[in-house]
Amino acid sequence: MSFDSNSGMAISFAECRTIRQARDQVAKVLKEIGIERVEVRREADLIIEHVTGMDAVARELKADEPLEPGACEELETILTKRSGREPLQYCLGYGWFMGMRVVVQPGVFIPRTDTETLCELTIKRLAAMGNLKELRVLEIGVGSGCIAVAMLREIPHLHVVGVDVSQDALDATRLNARTYEVSSRLTLSKCDFREFTLSGFDAIISNPPYIPRAVFETLEPEVRQFEPGVALIGWGEDGLDFYRQFAKFALPKLVPPLGFAAVEVGDGQSEPVMQIMRSAGMNKIECVNDVNGLPRVIVAGIA
């Protein structure tokens, strides 16, 4: 039995004899700690898949089979962390992005499905440049490395240079790059991008911190208490100073005329960010919606 000091809840799977019973108990605990109803089933399935190593079909076929030795203790450990509202990805040690299982750990920004729009768009544009030469991309703020690794997997003649101020992020990126065997085409640097001197890139991309601080303080505890604020909270009073700095220090590193920049933006930020790009001399600018139809990515280039 495990006892969570945050919720005061005793978490035990000692009475669970089968996979089905364990899954029901996981769902019960998730409901009791306040996880949103629509998320309980998904999280319960992910946790049981993690502990058993079985996909959905196998779990259904073997639902009434006994749990493996040690499974109860592992479930208690995971649910104790989750009951303190630690993000599920940190509890499991990984998240998912573009079909990849991506290692994450406390201190590393957790990949979001929204960001797949930025990644997919960049891959498509880079692929359209052809394969006659090595393409070079600069990513500012690599996080877990999910974007860089996904791009490198899709484009064999691509080299990515990634910069980040967080050692935790760089460590996670290196690990994920090794897992997917793309390390030889990835260069990482711990620095502020405003101090980075290399130039000559075919694309520069970033999923930057853009959430206004006042909004950040209202977010769910999983984000507010556990994820790195430096990767989330926008710069300056209006949360847009990163984009102004990006325009000043990053855009000049593009190779004309085909070089382009792509950045993720938050709610209500697409128009002001497009204006920042125009003021920096970009004249091929467009806004791309994410899978939910929300303005999510600004792409800018020079005709």
Protein backbone atom coordinates (compact mmCIF):
# COMPACT_ATOMS: atom_id res chain seq x y z
CA MET A 1 0.00 0.00 0.00
CA SER A 2 1.11 3.53 -0.80
CA PHE A 3 -0.09 6.63 1.02
CA ASP A 4 -0.22 9.96 -0.77
CA SER A 5 0.55 12.81 1.61
CA ASN A 6 -0.89 15.42 -0.75
CA SER A 7 -4.36 13.94 -1.09
CA GLY A 8 -4.39 11.94 2.14
CA MET A 9 -5.43 8.94 0.10
CA ALA A 10 -4.24 5.40 0.70
CA ILE A 11 -3.57 3.81 -2.68
CA SER A 12 -3.52 0.02 -2.79
CA PHE A 13 -3.79 -2.60 -5.51
CA ALA A 14 -3.25 -5.53 -3.15
CA GLU A 15 -6.79 -6.80 -3.71
CA CYS A 16 -6.53 -6.69 -7.50
CA ARG A 17 -6.07 -10.16 -8.92
CA THR A 18 -6.64 -9.53 -12.62
CA ILE A 19 -5.82 -6.92 -15.25
CA ARG A 20 -9.50 -5.95 -15.41
CA GLN A 21 -9.67 -5.34 -11.67
CA ALA A 22 -6.48 -3.30 -11.77
CA ARG A 23 -7.79 -1.15 -14.60
CA ASP A 24 -11.04 -0.51 -12.71
CA GLN A 25 -9.08 0.43 -9.60
CA VAL A 26 -6.87 2.82 -11.59
CA ALA A 27 -9.95 4.53 -13.02
CA LYS A 28 -11.48 4.80 -9.55
CA VAL A 29 -8.37 6.46 -8.13
CA LEU A 30 -8.14 8.88 -11.06
CA LYS A 31 -11.75 9.95 -10.52
CA GLU A 32 -11.19 10.44 -6.80
CA ILE A 33 -8.18 12.69 -7.28
CA GLY A 34 -10.13 14.95 -9.62
CA ILE A 35 -8.89 14.01 -13.10
CA GLU A 36 -11.39 15.25 -15.69
CA ARG A 37 -14.00 12.66 -16.50
CA VAL A 38 -13.20 12.61 -20.22
CA GLU A 39 -9.54 11.88 -19.43
CA VAL A 40 -10.02 9.08 -16.88
CA ARG A 41 -10.49 6.24 -19.38
CA ARG A 42 -7.59 7.34 -21.58
CA GLU A 43 -5.21 7.70 -18.64
CA ALA A 44 -6.30 4.41 -17.09
CA ASP A 45 -5.64 2.60 -20.37
CA LEU A 46 -2.21 4.23 -20.74
CA ILE A 47 -1.22 3.30 -17.20
CA ILE A 48 -2.31 -0.32 -17.57
CA GLU A 49 -0.59 -0.54 -20.96
CA HIS A 50 2.60 0.77 -19.37
CA VAL A 51 2.52 -1.74 -16.51
CA THR A 52 1.46 -4.80 -18.54
CA GLY A 53 3.18 -4.03 -21.86
CA MET A 54 -0.05 -5.01 -23.64
CA ASP A 55 -1.89 -3.03 -26.28
CA ALA A 56 -5.68 -2.60 -26.19
CA VAL A 57 -6.45 -5.83 -28.03
CA ALA A 58 -4.18 -7.94 -25.84
CA ARG A 59 -5.56 -6.36 -22.69
CA GLU A 60 -9.10 -7.20 -23.71
CA LEU A 61 -8.23 -10.78 -24.54
CA LYS A 62 -6.32 -11.25 -21.29
CA ALA A 63 -8.41 -9.01 -19.04
CA ASP A 64 -9.17 -11.82 -16.58
CA GLU A 65 -5.61 -13.09 -16.38
CA PRO A 66 -3.53 -12.37 -13.25
CA LEU A 67 -1.21 -9.41 -12.94
CA GLU A 68 2.52 -10.03 -13.24
CA PRO A 69 4.55 -9.98 -10.00
CA GLY A 70 5.47 -6.44 -9.05
CA ALA A 71 2.68 -4.85 -11.10
CA CYS A 72 0.71 -3.79 -8.02
CA GLU A 73 3.70 -1.98 -6.55
CA GLU A 74 4.37 -0.21 -9.84
CA LEU A 75 0.74 0.87 -10.10
CA GLU A 76 0.84 2.24 -6.57
CA THR A 77 3.99 4.22 -7.36
CA ILE A 78 2.47 5.74 -10.51
CA LEU A 79 -0.87 6.57 -8.90
CA THR A 80 0.79 8.11 -5.84
CA LYS A 81 2.63 10.53 -8.12
CA ARG A 82 -0.46 11.18 -10.19
CA SER A 83 -2.58 11.85 -7.10
CA GLY A 84 -0.26 14.77 -6.40
CA ARG A 85 -1.25 16.01 -9.89
CA GLU A 86 2.14 15.25 -11.36
CA PRO A 87 1.62 15.03 -15.15
CA LEU A 88 0.96 11.51 -16.40
CA GLN A 89 3.90 11.78 -18.82
CA TYR A 90 6.29 12.42 -15.92
CA CYS A 91 4.75 9.53 -13.98
CA LEU A 92 5.35 7.16 -16.90
CA GLY A 93 8.60 8.74 -18.09
CA TYR A 94 7.45 9.40 -21.64
CA GLY A 95 4.83 11.01 -23.87
CA TRP A 96 3.80 10.65 -27.51
CA PHE A 97 4.49 12.92 -30.48
CA MET A 98 4.10 12.25 -34.22
CA GLY A 99 3.77 8.54 -33.49
CA MET A 100 6.98 8.45 -31.45
CA ARG A 101 7.34 7.52 -27.80
CA VAL A 102 9.34 10.45 -26.45
CA VAL A 103 11.21 10.37 -23.15
CA VAL A 104 10.31 13.25 -20.83
CA GLN A 105 11.27 13.97 -17.26
CA PRO A 106 10.61 16.71 -14.71
CA GLY A 107 12.15 19.92 -15.98
CA VAL A 108 11.41 19.08 -19.62
CA PHE A 109 8.44 20.54 -21.50
CA ILE A 110 5.89 17.84 -22.36
CA PRO A 111 5.09 17.49 -26.11
CA ARG A 112 1.59 18.55 -27.17
CA THR A 113 -0.48 17.35 -30.10
CA ASP A 114 -1.01 21.01 -31.09
CA THR A 115 2.69 21.27 -31.90
CA GLU A 116 2.44 18.50 -34.49
CA THR A 117 1.05 21.21 -36.81
CA LEU A 118 4.34 23.12 -36.59
CA CYS A 119 6.33 19.95 -37.18
CA GLU A 120 4.26 18.64 -40.09
CA LEU A 121 4.26 21.99 -41.85
CA THR A 122 8.03 22.35 -41.52
CA ILE A 123 8.65 18.83 -42.81
CA LYS A 124 6.42 19.47 -45.82
CA ARG A 125 8.17 22.72 -46.70
CA LEU A 126 11.63 21.28 -46.28
CA ALA A 127 10.75 18.27 -48.43
CA ALA A 128 9.59 20.64 -51.17
CA MET A 129 13.09 22.15 -51.28
CA GLY A 130 14.35 18.91 -52.82
CA ASN A 131 17.22 16.62 -51.92
CA LEU A 132 20.06 18.04 -53.98
CA LYS A 133 21.84 19.44 -50.92
CA GLU A 134 21.94 19.02 -47.17
CA LEU A 135 19.30 21.15 -45.52
CA ARG A 136 20.10 22.96 -42.29
CA VAL A 137 17.49 23.84 -39.68
CA LEU A 138 17.90 25.80 -36.47
CA GLU A 139 15.47 24.94 -33.68
CA ILE A 140 15.25 27.42 -30.82
CA GLY A 141 14.16 25.72 -27.60
CA VAL A 142 14.41 21.98 -28.27
CA GLY A 143 12.52 20.77 -25.19
CA SER A 144 12.33 16.99 -25.37
CA GLY A 145 13.72 17.02 -28.91
CA CYS A 146 10.44 15.75 -30.32
CA ILE A 147 10.33 18.20 -33.24
CA ALA A 148 13.97 17.78 -34.21
CA VAL A 149 13.85 13.99 -34.03
CA ALA A 150 10.61 13.81 -36.01
CA MET A 151 12.06 15.99 -38.76
CA LEU A 152 15.32 14.05 -38.91
CA ARG A 153 13.41 10.78 -39.22
CA GLU A 154 11.43 12.10 -42.18
CA ILE A 155 14.20 13.90 -44.10
CA PRO A 156 17.44 11.93 -44.58
CA HIS A 157 19.43 14.89 -45.93
CA LEU A 158 18.56 17.18 -43.02
CA HIS A 159 20.86 18.45 -40.27
CA VAL A 160 19.31 20.13 -37.24
CA VAL A 161 21.08 22.53 -34.89
CA GLY A 162 19.20 22.88 -31.61
CA VAL A 163 19.74 25.47 -28.89
CA ASP A 164 18.24 25.57 -25.41
CA VAL A 165 19.08 27.16 -22.09
CA SER A 166 18.03 24.03 -20.18
CA GLN A 167 20.48 21.19 -19.62
CA ASP A 168 17.57 18.88 -18.79
CA ALA A 169 16.05 19.61 -22.19
CA LEU A 170 19.32 18.98 -24.01
CA ASP A 171 19.82 15.69 -22.14
CA ALA A 172 16.33 14.51 -23.07
CA THR A 173 16.87 15.51 -26.68
CA ARG A 174 20.12 13.55 -26.88
CA LEU A 175 18.43 10.48 -25.44
CA ASN A 176 15.51 10.64 -27.85
CA ALA A 177 17.84 11.23 -30.79
CA ARG A 178 19.86 8.13 -29.85
CA THR A 179 16.68 6.08 -29.49
CA TYR A 180 15.63 6.93 -33.04
CA GLU A 181 19.18 6.80 -34.43
CA VAL A 182 19.43 10.36 -35.73
CA SER A 183 22.17 11.66 -33.42
CA SER A 184 24.73 11.96 -36.21
CA ARG A 185 22.66 14.71 -37.87
CA LEU A 186 21.88 16.65 -34.72
CA THR A 187 24.05 19.33 -33.09
CA LEU A 188 23.05 20.75 -29.72
CA SER A 189 24.21 23.87 -27.92
CA LYS A 190 23.37 25.16 -24.46
CA CYS A 191 22.94 28.89 -24.97
CA ASP A 192 20.53 31.78 -25.33
CA PHE A 193 19.64 31.97 -29.03
CA ARG A 194 20.43 35.69 -28.98
CA GLU A 195 24.07 34.76 -28.38
CA PHE A 196 24.19 32.03 -31.05
CA THR A 197 26.45 33.07 -33.91
CA LEU A 198 26.01 30.45 -36.65
CA SER A 199 23.90 31.39 -39.66
CA GLY A 200 22.95 30.08 -43.08
CA PHE A 201 19.84 28.08 -42.24
CA ASP A 202 17.15 26.91 -44.62
CA ALA A 203 14.58 27.09 -41.82
CA ILE A 204 14.38 28.34 -38.25
CA ILE A 205 11.62 26.98 -36.05
CA SER A 206 10.47 27.40 -32.49
CA ASN A 207 7.68 26.46 -30.13
CA PRO A 208 8.47 29.30 -27.75
CA PRO A 209 7.16 30.38 -24.35
CA TYR A 210 4.05 32.41 -25.15
CA ILE A 211 1.47 32.00 -22.38
CA PRO A 212 0.81 35.31 -20.58
CA ARG A 213 1.78 35.04 -16.92
CA ALA A 214 -1.74 35.90 -15.75
CA VAL A 215 -3.12 33.03 -17.83
CA PHE A 216 -0.38 30.67 -16.66
CA GLU A 217 -1.45 31.19 -13.05
CA THR A 218 -4.93 29.89 -13.90
CA LEU A 219 -3.81 26.69 -15.60
CA GLU A 220 -4.26 23.20 -14.19
CA PRO A 221 -1.78 22.18 -11.47
CA GLU A 222 -0.11 19.65 -13.79
CA VAL A 223 1.19 22.56 -15.86
CA ARG A 224 1.48 25.30 -13.25
CA GLN A 225 3.25 23.28 -10.56
CA PHE A 226 5.34 20.81 -12.54
CA GLU A 227 6.28 21.92 -16.04
CA PRO A 228 9.15 24.40 -16.51
CA GLY A 229 7.79 27.95 -16.51
CA VAL A 230 10.72 29.08 -18.65
CA ALA A 231 9.30 26.99 -21.52
CA LEU A 232 5.76 28.28 -21.08
CA ILE A 233 5.54 31.85 -19.81
CA GLY A 234 5.73 34.50 -22.52
CA TRP A 235 8.33 37.24 -22.38
CA GLY A 236 7.36 40.80 -21.50
CA GLU A 237 4.11 42.37 -20.39
CA ASP A 238 2.17 41.21 -23.45
CA GLY A 239 3.92 37.82 -23.70
CA LEU A 240 5.24 38.62 -27.19
CA ASP A 241 8.80 39.78 -26.51
CA PHE A 242 10.21 36.39 -27.54
CA TYR A 243 8.86 36.94 -31.06
CA ARG A 244 10.40 40.41 -31.18
CA GLN A 245 13.76 38.98 -30.14
CA PHE A 246 13.31 36.12 -32.61
CA ALA A 247 12.75 38.62 -35.42
CA LYS A 248 15.85 40.59 -34.44
CA PHE A 249 18.33 37.78 -33.76
CA ALA A 250 17.05 34.71 -35.62
CA LEU A 251 15.51 35.85 -38.89
CA PRO A 252 18.80 37.29 -40.26
CA LYS A 253 20.25 33.76 -40.07
CA LEU A 254 17.98 32.50 -42.87
CA VAL A 255 19.28 31.75 -46.37
CA PRO A 256 17.28 33.70 -48.98
CA PRO A 257 15.21 33.37 -51.04
CA LEU A 258 13.69 30.04 -49.91
CA GLY A 259 14.59 30.15 -46.24
CA PHE A 260 11.64 30.41 -43.89
CA ALA A 261 10.79 30.69 -40.22
CA ALA A 262 7.94 28.89 -38.46
CA VAL A 263 6.78 29.58 -34.91
CA GLU A 264 3.91 28.37 -32.77
CA VAL A 265 1.61 31.01 -31.28
CA GLY A 266 -1.06 31.10 -28.61
CA ASP A 267 -4.65 32.30 -28.57
CA GLY A 268 -5.07 35.79 -29.99
CA GLN A 269 -1.39 36.09 -30.92
CA SER A 270 -1.44 35.29 -34.64
CA GLU A 271 -2.09 38.84 -35.90
CA PRO A 272 0.45 40.63 -33.65
CA VAL A 273 3.11 38.01 -34.42
CA MET A 274 2.47 38.38 -38.15
CA GLN A 275 2.92 42.13 -37.74
CA ILE A 276 6.21 41.57 -35.91
CA MET A 277 7.39 39.47 -38.87
CA ARG A 278 6.30 42.13 -41.38
CA SER A 279 8.15 44.80 -39.44
CA ALA A 280 11.27 42.63 -39.63
CA GLY A 281 11.11 42.64 -43.44
CA MET A 282 9.32 39.33 -44.03
CA ASN A 283 6.83 39.57 -46.90
CA LYS A 284 5.71 35.97 -47.37
CA ILE A 285 3.67 35.43 -44.23
CA GLU A 286 0.82 33.06 -43.52
CA CYS A 287 -1.07 31.67 -40.56
CA VAL A 288 -1.82 27.95 -40.36
CA ASN A 289 -4.57 26.45 -38.20
CA ASP A 290 -4.11 23.38 -36.02
CA VAL A 291 -6.33 20.27 -36.03
CA ASN A 292 -8.90 22.15 -33.93
CA GLY A 293 -9.12 24.98 -36.43
CA LEU A 294 -7.26 27.44 -34.19
CA PRO A 295 -4.51 29.76 -35.50
CA ARG A 296 -1.39 27.92 -34.35
CA VAL A 297 1.63 28.50 -36.62
CA ILE A 298 3.03 31.60 -38.31
CA VAL A 299 5.29 30.98 -41.30
CA ALA A 300 7.42 33.80 -42.66
CA GLY A 301 9.86 34.15 -45.54
CA ILE A 302 11.34 36.66 -47.96
CA ALA A 303 10.15 36.70 -51.58
